[in-house]
Amino acid sequence: MKIAVAGCNGSVGSRVVLAALAQGHTIVGIDSAPVPDLLAHLKGHVDSNFTFYEADVRDYDACLKLLKGCEGVVNLAAMRTPGDYVVEAHNTNVVISWNILRAAAELGINRVAQASSVNVIPLVWTERKDFQYFPLDEDHPCRPDEPYGLSKVIMELQADTIVRRYPLMRIASLRLSWSLPSREDAMRDDPGRRRTDLWGYVQEDSAAEAFLLALTDESGRWAGHEAFFITAPDVANELSAVELWERYWREVPIKEGKDLRTGNGFFDCSKAERLLGWVHRNAGVERGSS
């Protein structure tokens, strides 16, 4: 498959590129910054299936040109924080996501995987937390009060809109947690420092795998637009999820039929496993290993 990866320079985007190339795909890498060292050796190599373009995907015509001839798109191009908390993150992310989706539709590209965020739920940057239950799943209300989380909610609404008009398209919105090389990188001595993001993380190679599964899966288990939580099943803390819940979030109920047993975290990724076949794995752990 010929895949465009927008935001290919980032921690997850670069891992998507490397994983996709290892699987035999041809990659069009797009980013607003020069190609990083991790990918520089691929650029212009005679045997490489990687082509890089430094471009601004806030320009719709540029999107059309760059995506032409591709069969799938991974969109990781975005601001990753609320920025100025006024217009910067919201306007940047909303324009980029619409441009990518609409250009893909116009070009007949029917497979798109886009980076949403766990922050569609009021988490890190919100004034008021709004947890209805734990563990969080895709049925939980999305009511952010800051521009970054809002931009990701709008991205998902854009995907709903696109597939209504272009029903052959299939779009996955992957709600990533903090993407890092390992669980150890997410650890903090004081568990209170990470209470607002529920001690979540996702190993970046495992996140990359979710994007590729969303594009290449032909099992027929899903269609249209679906959102998926993509996080590790455990917590980045020495305390268990139950202990953290009892210490910091005891007022939030546990959803009926669910629990926070040892080894479980505050996010329910069973939908991603059921529909995408995705299971989180940490660095150095082979797929299917415990």
C-alpha atoms as a PDB file:
ATOM      1  CA  MET A   1       0.000   0.000   0.000  1.00  0.00           C
ATOM      2  CA  LYS A   2       1.158   3.525  -0.730  1.00  0.00           C
ATOM      3  CA  ILE A   3       0.629   5.465   2.491  1.00  0.00           C
ATOM      4  CA  ALA A   4       0.954   9.170   3.202  1.00  0.00           C
ATOM      5  CA  VAL A   5       2.102   9.928   6.751  1.00  0.00           C
ATOM      6  CA  ALA A   6       1.414  13.536   7.729  1.00  0.00           C
ATOM      7  CA  GLY A   7       3.412  14.532  10.786  1.00  0.00           C
ATOM      8  CA  CYS A   8       6.009  11.889   9.967  1.00  0.00           C
ATOM      9  CA  ASN A   9       8.747  13.555  12.047  1.00  0.00           C
ATOM     10  CA  GLY A  10       7.098  13.045  15.433  1.00  0.00           C
ATOM     11  CA  SER A  11       7.717  10.305  17.964  1.00  0.00           C
ATOM     12  CA  VAL A  12       4.833   8.173  16.689  1.00  0.00           C
ATOM     13  CA  GLY A  13       4.916   9.375  13.073  1.00  0.00           C
ATOM     14  CA  SER A  14       8.522   8.304  12.606  1.00  0.00           C
ATOM     15  CA  ARG A  15       7.715   4.909  14.091  1.00  0.00           C
ATOM     16  CA  VAL A  16       4.772   4.546  11.679  1.00  0.00           C
ATOM     17  CA  VAL A  17       7.152   5.233   8.779  1.00  0.00           C
ATOM     18  CA  LEU A  18       9.715   2.662   9.918  1.00  0.00           C
ATOM     19  CA  ALA A  19       7.122  -0.005  10.733  1.00  0.00           C
ATOM     20  CA  ALA A  20       5.296   0.515   7.435  1.00  0.00           C
ATOM     21  CA  LEU A  21       8.505   0.281   5.427  1.00  0.00           C
ATOM     22  CA  ALA A  22       9.397  -2.927   7.277  1.00  0.00           C
ATOM     23  CA  GLN A  23       6.035  -4.338   6.169  1.00  0.00           C
ATOM     24  CA  GLY A  24       6.758  -3.493   2.543  1.00  0.00           C
ATOM     25  CA  HIS A  25       4.615  -0.381   2.147  1.00  0.00           C
ATOM     26  CA  THR A  26       5.621   2.700   0.158  1.00  0.00           C
ATOM     27  CA  ILE A  27       5.623   5.879   2.240  1.00  0.00           C
ATOM     28  CA  VAL A  28       5.106   9.539   1.415  1.00  0.00           C
ATOM     29  CA  GLY A  29       6.313  11.408   4.498  1.00  0.00           C
ATOM     30  CA  ILE A  30       4.980  14.927   5.078  1.00  0.00           C
ATOM     31  CA  ASP A  31       5.990  17.376   7.775  1.00  0.00           C
ATOM     32  CA  SER A  32       6.369  21.123   8.246  1.00  0.00           C
ATOM     33  CA  ALA A  33       9.925  20.676   9.548  1.00  0.00           C
ATOM     34  CA  PRO A  34      12.993  19.148   7.850  1.00  0.00           C
ATOM     35  CA  VAL A  35      13.342  15.393   7.961  1.00  0.00           C
ATOM     36  CA  PRO A  36      14.837  14.230  11.319  1.00  0.00           C
ATOM     37  CA  ASP A  37      17.988  12.172  11.765  1.00  0.00           C
ATOM     38  CA  LEU A  38      15.929   9.037  12.452  1.00  0.00           C
ATOM     39  CA  LEU A  39      14.542   9.148   8.905  1.00  0.00           C
ATOM     40  CA  ALA A  40      17.260  11.106   7.093  1.00  0.00           C
ATOM     41  CA  HIS A  41      19.115   7.983   5.993  1.00  0.00           C
ATOM     42  CA  LEU A  42      16.012   6.887   4.062  1.00  0.00           C
ATOM     43  CA  LYS A  43      15.649  10.098   2.068  1.00  0.00           C
ATOM     44  CA  GLY A  44      16.905   9.712  -1.477  1.00  0.00           C
ATOM     45  CA  HIS A  45      18.283   6.209  -0.889  1.00  0.00           C
ATOM     46  CA  VAL A  46      18.084   4.292  -4.146  1.00  0.00           C
ATOM     47  CA  ASP A  47      16.434   1.271  -2.507  1.00  0.00           C
ATOM     48  CA  SER A  48      14.129   3.246  -0.239  1.00  0.00           C
ATOM     49  CA  ASN A  49      10.349   3.306  -0.582  1.00  0.00           C
ATOM     50  CA  PHE A  50      10.307   6.587   1.369  1.00  0.00           C
ATOM     51  CA  THR A  51       9.783  10.029  -0.134  1.00  0.00           C
ATOM     52  CA  PHE A  52       9.750  13.125   2.069  1.00  0.00           C
ATOM     53  CA  TYR A  53       8.067  16.479   1.492  1.00  0.00           C
ATOM     54  CA  GLU A  54       8.453  19.497   3.741  1.00  0.00           C
ATOM     55  CA  ALA A  55       5.032  21.117   3.470  1.00  0.00           C
ATOM     56  CA  ASP A  56       2.247  22.851   5.381  1.00  0.00           C
ATOM     57  CA  VAL A  57      -0.922  20.760   5.332  1.00  0.00           C
ATOM     58  CA  ARG A  58      -2.964  23.749   6.458  1.00  0.00           C
ATOM     59  CA  ASP A  59      -2.907  24.463   2.714  1.00  0.00           C
ATOM     60  CA  TYR A  60      -5.690  22.405   1.106  1.00  0.00           C
ATOM     61  CA  ASP A  61      -4.223  22.497  -2.392  1.00  0.00           C
ATOM     62  CA  ALA A  62      -0.933  21.230  -0.991  1.00  0.00           C
ATOM     63  CA  CYS A  63      -2.796  18.324   0.600  1.00  0.00           C
ATOM     64  CA  LEU A  64      -4.398  17.397  -2.706  1.00  0.00           C
ATOM     65  CA  LYS A  65      -1.051  17.399  -4.432  1.00  0.00           C
ATOM     66  CA  LEU A  66       0.779  15.426  -1.749  1.00  0.00           C
ATOM     67  CA  LEU A  67      -1.883  12.756  -1.244  1.00  0.00           C
ATOM     68  CA  LYS A  68      -2.508  12.100  -4.927  1.00  0.00           C
ATOM     69  CA  GLY A  69      -1.764   8.479  -5.805  1.00  0.00           C
ATOM     70  CA  CYS A  70      -1.837   7.254  -2.192  1.00  0.00           C
ATOM     71  CA  GLU A  71      -4.097   4.429  -1.030  1.00  0.00           C
ATOM     72  CA  GLY A  72      -4.102   5.250   2.676  1.00  0.00           C
ATOM     73  CA  VAL A  73      -3.366   8.202   4.950  1.00  0.00           C
ATOM     74  CA  VAL A  74      -2.050   8.419   8.495  1.00  0.00           C
ATOM     75  CA  ASN A  75      -2.566  11.874   9.979  1.00  0.00           C
ATOM     76  CA  LEU A  76      -0.405  12.768  12.958  1.00  0.00           C
ATOM     77  CA  ALA A  77       0.102  16.406  11.962  1.00  0.00           C
ATOM     78  CA  ALA A  78      -1.080  18.656  14.792  1.00  0.00           C
ATOM     79  CA  MET A  79      -0.161  20.804  17.733  1.00  0.00           C
ATOM     80  CA  ARG A  80       0.177  18.491  20.723  1.00  0.00           C
ATOM     81  CA  THR A  81      -0.803  20.946  23.480  1.00  0.00           C
ATOM     82  CA  PRO A  82      -3.332  23.778  23.869  1.00  0.00           C
ATOM     83  CA  GLY A  83      -0.579  26.255  22.963  1.00  0.00           C
ATOM     84  CA  ASP A  84      -1.799  29.751  23.766  1.00  0.00           C
ATOM     85  CA  TYR A  85      -5.143  28.391  25.075  1.00  0.00           C
ATOM     86  CA  VAL A  86      -6.853  30.840  22.690  1.00  0.00           C
ATOM     87  CA  VAL A  87      -6.810  30.024  18.969  1.00  0.00           C
ATOM     88  CA  GLU A  88      -3.451  28.485  18.014  1.00  0.00           C
ATOM     89  CA  ALA A  89      -4.015  24.783  18.729  1.00  0.00           C
ATOM     90  CA  HIS A  90      -7.719  24.789  17.898  1.00  0.00           C
ATOM     91  CA  ASN A  91      -7.411  26.530  14.536  1.00  0.00           C
ATOM     92  CA  THR A  92      -4.300  24.632  13.476  1.00  0.00           C
ATOM     93  CA  ASN A  93      -5.610  21.187  14.321  1.00  0.00           C
ATOM     94  CA  VAL A  94      -9.129  21.680  13.002  1.00  0.00           C
ATOM     95  CA  VAL A  95      -7.916  22.985   9.637  1.00  0.00           C
ATOM     96  CA  ILE A  96      -5.308  20.233   9.239  1.00  0.00           C
ATOM     97  CA  SER A  97      -7.716  17.421  10.046  1.00  0.00           C
ATOM     98  CA  TRP A  98     -10.406  18.717   7.696  1.00  0.00           C
ATOM     99  CA  ASN A  99      -7.913  19.279   4.871  1.00  0.00           C
ATOM    100  CA  ILE A 100      -6.555  15.739   5.157  1.00  0.00           C
ATOM    101  CA  LEU A 101     -10.000  14.128   5.362  1.00  0.00           C
ATOM    102  CA  ARG A 102     -11.536  16.186   2.577  1.00  0.00           C
ATOM    103  CA  ALA A 103      -8.551  15.747   0.274  1.00  0.00           C
ATOM    104  CA  ALA A 104      -8.606  11.992   0.859  1.00  0.00           C
ATOM    105  CA  ALA A 105     -12.310  11.933   0.009  1.00  0.00           C
ATOM    106  CA  GLU A 106     -11.809  13.961  -3.160  1.00  0.00           C
ATOM    107  CA  LEU A 107      -8.979  11.697  -4.274  1.00  0.00           C
ATOM    108  CA  GLY A 108     -10.854   8.464  -3.549  1.00  0.00           C
ATOM    109  CA  ILE A 109      -8.554   7.394  -0.719  1.00  0.00           C
ATOM    110  CA  ASN A 110     -10.774   5.192   1.429  1.00  0.00           C
ATOM    111  CA  ARG A 111      -8.469   4.332   4.316  1.00  0.00           C
ATOM    112  CA  VAL A 112      -7.556   7.001   6.882  1.00  0.00           C
ATOM    113  CA  ALA A 113      -6.185   6.710  10.415  1.00  0.00           C
ATOM    114  CA  GLN A 114      -5.956   9.960  12.364  1.00  0.00           C
ATOM    115  CA  ALA A 115      -4.483  10.834  15.739  1.00  0.00           C
ATOM    116  CA  SER A 116      -7.150  11.859  18.179  1.00  0.00           C
ATOM    117  CA  SER A 117      -6.353  11.984  21.893  1.00  0.00           C
ATOM    118  CA  VAL A 118      -7.450  10.732  25.288  1.00  0.00           C
ATOM    119  CA  ASN A 119      -7.973  14.440  25.981  1.00  0.00           C
ATOM    120  CA  VAL A 120     -11.342  14.362  24.232  1.00  0.00           C
ATOM    121  CA  ILE A 121     -12.261  13.446  27.814  1.00  0.00           C
ATOM    122  CA  PRO A 122     -11.476  16.320  30.222  1.00  0.00           C
ATOM    123  CA  LEU A 123      -8.002  15.327  31.403  1.00  0.00           C
ATOM    124  CA  VAL A 124      -4.661  17.115  31.591  1.00  0.00           C
ATOM    125  CA  TRP A 125      -5.443  20.665  30.520  1.00  0.00           C
ATOM    126  CA  THR A 126      -9.024  21.097  31.698  1.00  0.00           C
ATOM    127  CA  GLU A 127     -10.159  23.206  34.633  1.00  0.00           C
ATOM    128  CA  ARG A 128     -12.874  20.770  35.659  1.00  0.00           C
ATOM    129  CA  LYS A 129     -12.622  17.006  35.428  1.00  0.00           C
ATOM    130  CA  ASP A 130     -15.747  15.234  34.254  1.00  0.00           C
ATOM    131  CA  PHE A 131     -15.257  11.531  34.854  1.00  0.00           C
ATOM    132  CA  GLN A 132     -18.563   9.672  34.838  1.00  0.00           C
ATOM    133  CA  TYR A 133     -17.003   6.271  35.487  1.00  0.00           C
ATOM    134  CA  PHE A 134     -13.822   4.201  35.186  1.00  0.00           C
ATOM    135  CA  PRO A 135     -12.350   2.697  33.141  1.00  0.00           C
ATOM    136  CA  LEU A 136     -12.911   5.247  30.385  1.00  0.00           C
ATOM    137  CA  ASP A 137     -14.246   3.853  27.125  1.00  0.00           C
ATOM    138  CA  GLU A 138     -15.545   5.229  23.839  1.00  0.00           C
ATOM    139  CA  ASP A 139     -19.062   5.640  25.255  1.00  0.00           C
ATOM    140  CA  HIS A 140     -17.909   8.160  27.858  1.00  0.00           C
ATOM    141  CA  PRO A 141     -19.096  11.746  27.182  1.00  0.00           C
ATOM    142  CA  CYS A 142     -16.544  14.079  25.584  1.00  0.00           C
ATOM    143  CA  ARG A 143     -16.827  17.508  27.210  1.00  0.00           C
ATOM    144  CA  PRO A 144     -13.444  19.282  27.137  1.00  0.00           C
ATOM    145  CA  ASP A 145     -13.154  22.926  28.185  1.00  0.00           C
ATOM    146  CA  GLU A 146      -9.858  23.733  26.419  1.00  0.00           C
ATOM    147  CA  PRO A 147      -8.889  24.174  22.753  1.00  0.00           C
ATOM    148  CA  TYR A 148      -6.700  21.097  22.250  1.00  0.00           C
ATOM    149  CA  GLY A 149      -9.268  18.583  23.459  1.00  0.00           C
ATOM    150  CA  LEU A 150     -11.969  20.443  21.549  1.00  0.00           C
ATOM    151  CA  SER A 151      -9.921  20.249  18.338  1.00  0.00           C
ATOM    152  CA  LYS A 152      -9.804  16.465  18.705  1.00  0.00           C
ATOM    153  CA  VAL A 153     -13.550  16.227  19.344  1.00  0.00           C
ATOM    154  CA  ILE A 154     -14.089  18.280  16.181  1.00  0.00           C
ATOM    155  CA  MET A 155     -11.694  16.019  14.275  1.00  0.00           C
ATOM    156  CA  GLU A 156     -13.885  13.058  15.184  1.00  0.00           C
ATOM    157  CA  LEU A 157     -17.037  14.961  14.188  1.00  0.00           C
ATOM    158  CA  GLN A 158     -15.382  15.786  10.865  1.00  0.00           C
ATOM    159  CA  ALA A 159     -14.777  12.074  10.299  1.00  0.00           C
ATOM    160  CA  ASP A 160     -18.447  11.326  11.056  1.00  0.00           C
ATOM    161  CA  THR A 161     -19.415  13.973   8.507  1.00  0.00           C
ATOM    162  CA  ILE A 162     -17.056  12.706   5.794  1.00  0.00           C
ATOM    163  CA  VAL A 163     -18.200   9.084   5.956  1.00  0.00           C
ATOM    164  CA  ARG A 164     -21.846  10.143   5.705  1.00  0.00           C
ATOM    165  CA  ARG A 165     -21.078  11.824   2.390  1.00  0.00           C
ATOM    166  CA  TYR A 166     -18.447   9.292   1.277  1.00  0.00           C
ATOM    167  CA  PRO A 167     -19.729   5.962   2.637  1.00  0.00           C
ATOM    168  CA  LEU A 168     -16.918   3.903   1.104  1.00  0.00           C
ATOM    169  CA  MET A 169     -14.393   5.639   3.337  1.00  0.00           C
ATOM    170  CA  ARG A 170     -13.217   4.026   6.552  1.00  0.00           C
ATOM    171  CA  ILE A 171     -11.697   6.310   9.179  1.00  0.00           C
ATOM    172  CA  ALA A 172     -10.154   5.405  12.526  1.00  0.00           C
ATOM    173  CA  SER A 173      -9.675   8.099  15.165  1.00  0.00           C
ATOM    174  CA  LEU A 174      -7.027   6.756  17.516  1.00  0.00           C
ATOM    175  CA  ARG A 175      -7.217   8.334  20.959  1.00  0.00           C
ATOM    176  CA  LEU A 176      -3.582   8.229  21.963  1.00  0.00           C
ATOM    177  CA  SER A 177      -2.314   8.614  25.484  1.00  0.00           C
ATOM    178  CA  TRP A 178       1.148  10.034  26.245  1.00  0.00           C
ATOM    179  CA  SER A 179       3.366   8.386  23.605  1.00  0.00           C
ATOM    180  CA  LEU A 180       6.795   7.382  24.882  1.00  0.00           C
ATOM    181  CA  PRO A 181       9.558   4.832  24.233  1.00  0.00           C
ATOM    182  CA  SER A 182       8.798   2.886  27.419  1.00  0.00           C
ATOM    183  CA  ARG A 183       6.708   2.717  30.580  1.00  0.00           C
ATOM    184  CA  GLU A 184       9.723   3.848  32.581  1.00  0.00           C
ATOM    185  CA  ASP A 185       9.747   7.155  30.697  1.00  0.00           C
ATOM    186  CA  ALA A 186       6.226   7.861  31.989  1.00  0.00           C
ATOM    187  CA  MET A 187       6.998   7.120  35.633  1.00  0.00           C
ATOM    188  CA  ARG A 188       7.056   9.895  38.238  1.00  0.00           C
ATOM    189  CA  ASP A 189       8.065   9.621  41.906  1.00  0.00           C
ATOM    190  CA  ASP A 190       5.001  11.531  43.070  1.00  0.00           C
ATOM    191  CA  PRO A 191       1.834   9.843  41.752  1.00  0.00           C
ATOM    192  CA  GLY A 192      -0.120  13.035  42.371  1.00  0.00           C
ATOM    193  CA  ARG A 193       1.740  14.731  39.527  1.00  0.00           C
ATOM    194  CA  ARG A 194       0.005  12.518  36.988  1.00  0.00           C
ATOM    195  CA  ARG A 195      -3.437  12.157  38.511  1.00  0.00           C
ATOM    196  CA  THR A 196      -4.994  14.356  35.822  1.00  0.00           C
ATOM    197  CA  ASP A 197      -3.940  12.052  32.962  1.00  0.00           C
ATOM    198  CA  LEU A 198      -4.731   8.907  34.963  1.00  0.00           C
ATOM    199  CA  TRP A 199      -1.129   7.638  34.790  1.00  0.00           C
ATOM    200  CA  GLY A 200      -1.685   6.658  31.167  1.00  0.00           C
ATOM    201  CA  TYR A 201       0.872   6.106  28.424  1.00  0.00           C
ATOM    202  CA  VAL A 202       1.324   4.215  25.156  1.00  0.00           C
ATOM    203  CA  GLN A 203       4.569   2.748  23.878  1.00  0.00           C
ATOM    204  CA  GLU A 204       5.228   4.563  20.604  1.00  0.00           C
ATOM    205  CA  ASP A 205       5.957   1.476  18.471  1.00  0.00           C
ATOM    206  CA  SER A 206       2.754  -0.089  19.726  1.00  0.00           C
ATOM    207  CA  ALA A 207       0.886   3.108  18.854  1.00  0.00           C
ATOM    208  CA  ALA A 208       2.378   2.958  15.352  1.00  0.00           C
ATOM    209  CA  GLU A 209       1.123  -0.593  14.992  1.00  0.00           C
ATOM    210  CA  ALA A 210      -2.423   0.591  15.747  1.00  0.00           C
ATOM    211  CA  PHE A 211      -2.288   3.072  12.862  1.00  0.00           C
ATOM    212  CA  LEU A 212      -1.161   0.419  10.412  1.00  0.00           C
ATOM    213  CA  LEU A 213      -3.778  -2.062  11.597  1.00  0.00           C
ATOM    214  CA  ALA A 214      -6.448   0.606  11.143  1.00  0.00           C
ATOM    215  CA  LEU A 215      -5.377   1.091   7.521  1.00  0.00           C
ATOM    216  CA  THR A 216      -4.704  -2.476   6.455  1.00  0.00           C
ATOM    217  CA  ASP A 217      -7.304  -4.517   8.339  1.00  0.00           C
ATOM    218  CA  GLU A 218      -9.684  -6.209   5.922  1.00  0.00           C
ATOM    219  CA  SER A 219     -11.546  -8.394   8.407  1.00  0.00           C
ATOM    220  CA  GLY A 220     -14.835  -6.589   7.781  1.00  0.00           C
ATOM    221  CA  ARG A 221     -15.383  -6.121  11.521  1.00  0.00           C
ATOM    222  CA  TRP A 222     -15.955  -2.389  11.183  1.00  0.00           C
ATOM    223  CA  ALA A 223     -16.856   0.306   8.670  1.00  0.00           C
ATOM    224  CA  GLY A 224     -17.454   4.053   8.526  1.00  0.00           C
ATOM    225  CA  HIS A 225     -15.836   6.022  11.330  1.00  0.00           C
ATOM    226  CA  GLU A 226     -14.833   4.564  14.684  1.00  0.00           C
ATOM    227  CA  ALA A 227     -12.903   6.018  17.609  1.00  0.00           C
ATOM    228  CA  PHE A 228     -10.529   3.828  19.610  1.00  0.00           C
ATOM    229  CA  PHE A 229      -8.642   4.363  22.862  1.00  0.00           C
ATOM    230  CA  ILE A 230      -4.994   3.449  22.269  1.00  0.00           C
ATOM    231  CA  THR A 231      -3.260   3.224  25.637  1.00  0.00           C
ATOM    232  CA  ALA A 232      -1.318   0.756  27.718  1.00  0.00           C
ATOM    233  CA  PRO A 233      -3.485  -1.561  29.830  1.00  0.00           C
ATOM    234  CA  ASP A 234      -1.581  -0.747  33.018  1.00  0.00           C
ATOM    235  CA  VAL A 235      -0.587   2.450  34.837  1.00  0.00           C
ATOM    236  CA  ALA A 236       2.801   4.190  34.866  1.00  0.00           C
ATOM    237  CA  ASN A 237       3.148   4.037  38.623  1.00  0.00           C
ATOM    238  CA  GLU A 238       4.379   1.653  41.287  1.00  0.00           C
ATOM    239  CA  LEU A 239       0.917   1.721  42.850  1.00  0.00           C
ATOM    240  CA  SER A 240      -1.833  -0.343  41.261  1.00  0.00           C
ATOM    241  CA  ALA A 241      -4.803   1.249  39.522  1.00  0.00           C
ATOM    242  CA  VAL A 242      -7.002   0.248  42.465  1.00  0.00           C
ATOM    243  CA  GLU A 243      -4.677   1.962  44.935  1.00  0.00           C
ATOM    244  CA  LEU A 244      -4.501   5.090  42.783  1.00  0.00           C
ATOM    245  CA  TRP A 245      -8.290   5.163  42.433  1.00  0.00           C
ATOM    246  CA  GLU A 246      -8.763   4.816  46.179  1.00  0.00           C
ATOM    247  CA  ARG A 247      -6.246   7.596  46.882  1.00  0.00           C
ATOM    248  CA  TYR A 248      -7.212  10.151  44.214  1.00  0.00           C
ATOM    249  CA  TRP A 249     -10.526   9.321  42.500  1.00  0.00           C
ATOM    250  CA  ARG A 250     -12.624   7.376  45.013  1.00  0.00           C
ATOM    251  CA  GLU A 251     -15.689   9.491  44.181  1.00  0.00           C
ATOM    252  CA  VAL A 252     -15.743   8.227  40.568  1.00  0.00           C
ATOM    253  CA  PRO A 253     -17.724   4.972  40.236  1.00  0.00           C
ATOM    254  CA  ILE A 254     -16.453   1.853  38.512  1.00  0.00           C
ATOM    255  CA  LYS A 255     -18.536   0.996  35.449  1.00  0.00           C
ATOM    256  CA  GLU A 256     -20.796  -2.003  35.906  1.00  0.00           C
ATOM    257  CA  GLY A 257     -19.111  -5.139  34.666  1.00  0.00           C
ATOM    258  CA  LYS A 258     -15.638  -3.575  34.776  1.00  0.00           C
ATOM    259  CA  ASP A 259     -12.904  -3.353  37.393  1.00  0.00           C
ATOM    260  CA  LEU A 260      -9.458  -1.944  38.094  1.00  0.00           C
ATOM    261  CA  ARG A 261      -7.717  -5.154  39.023  1.00  0.00           C
ATOM    262  CA  THR A 262      -3.940  -5.311  39.275  1.00  0.00           C
ATOM    263  CA  GLY A 263      -2.538  -4.940  35.771  1.00  0.00           C
ATOM    264  CA  ASN A 264      -5.471  -2.879  34.527  1.00  0.00           C
ATOM    265  CA  GLY A 265      -5.501   0.878  34.009  1.00  0.00           C
ATOM    266  CA  PHE A 266      -8.085   3.625  33.736  1.00  0.00           C
ATOM    267  CA  PHE A 267      -8.695   3.189  29.991  1.00  0.00           C
ATOM    268  CA  ASP A 268     -10.648   0.379  28.358  1.00  0.00           C
ATOM    269  CA  CYS A 269      -9.073  -0.544  25.015  1.00  0.00           C
ATOM    270  CA  SER A 270     -11.148  -3.660  24.415  1.00  0.00           C
ATOM    271  CA  LYS A 271     -12.791  -2.063  21.358  1.00  0.00           C
ATOM    272  CA  ALA A 272      -9.393  -1.682  19.664  1.00  0.00           C
ATOM    273  CA  GLU A 273      -8.612  -5.306  20.406  1.00  0.00           C
ATOM    274  CA  ARG A 274     -12.011  -6.496  19.210  1.00  0.00           C
ATOM    275  CA  LEU A 275     -12.188  -4.515  15.955  1.00  0.00           C
ATOM    276  CA  LEU A 276      -8.547  -3.821  15.046  1.00  0.00           C
ATOM    277  CA  GLY A 277      -6.848  -6.795  16.656  1.00  0.00           C
ATOM    278  CA  TRP A 278      -4.618  -4.341  18.520  1.00  0.00           C
ATOM    279  CA  VAL A 279      -3.062  -5.254  21.866  1.00  0.00           C
ATOM    280  CA  HIS A 280      -0.575  -2.963  23.563  1.00  0.00           C
ATOM    281  CA  ARG A 281       2.961  -4.231  23.904  1.00  0.00           C
ATOM    282  CA  ASN A 282       5.979  -2.590  25.456  1.00  0.00           C
ATOM    283  CA  ALA A 283       9.389  -2.298  23.835  1.00  0.00           C
ATOM    284  CA  GLY A 284      11.120  -5.630  23.344  1.00  0.00           C
ATOM    285  CA  VAL A 285       7.923  -7.672  23.736  1.00  0.00           C
ATOM    286  CA  GLU A 286       6.924  -9.670  20.698  1.00  0.00           C
ATOM    287  CA  ARG A 287       3.363  -9.566  19.449  1.00  0.00           C
ATOM    288  CA  GLY A 288       1.301 -12.192  21.197  1.00  0.00           C
ATOM    289  CA  SER A 289       3.689 -12.424  24.155  1.00  0.00           C
ATOM    290  CA  SER A 290       2.522 -11.772  27.689  1.00  0.00           C
END
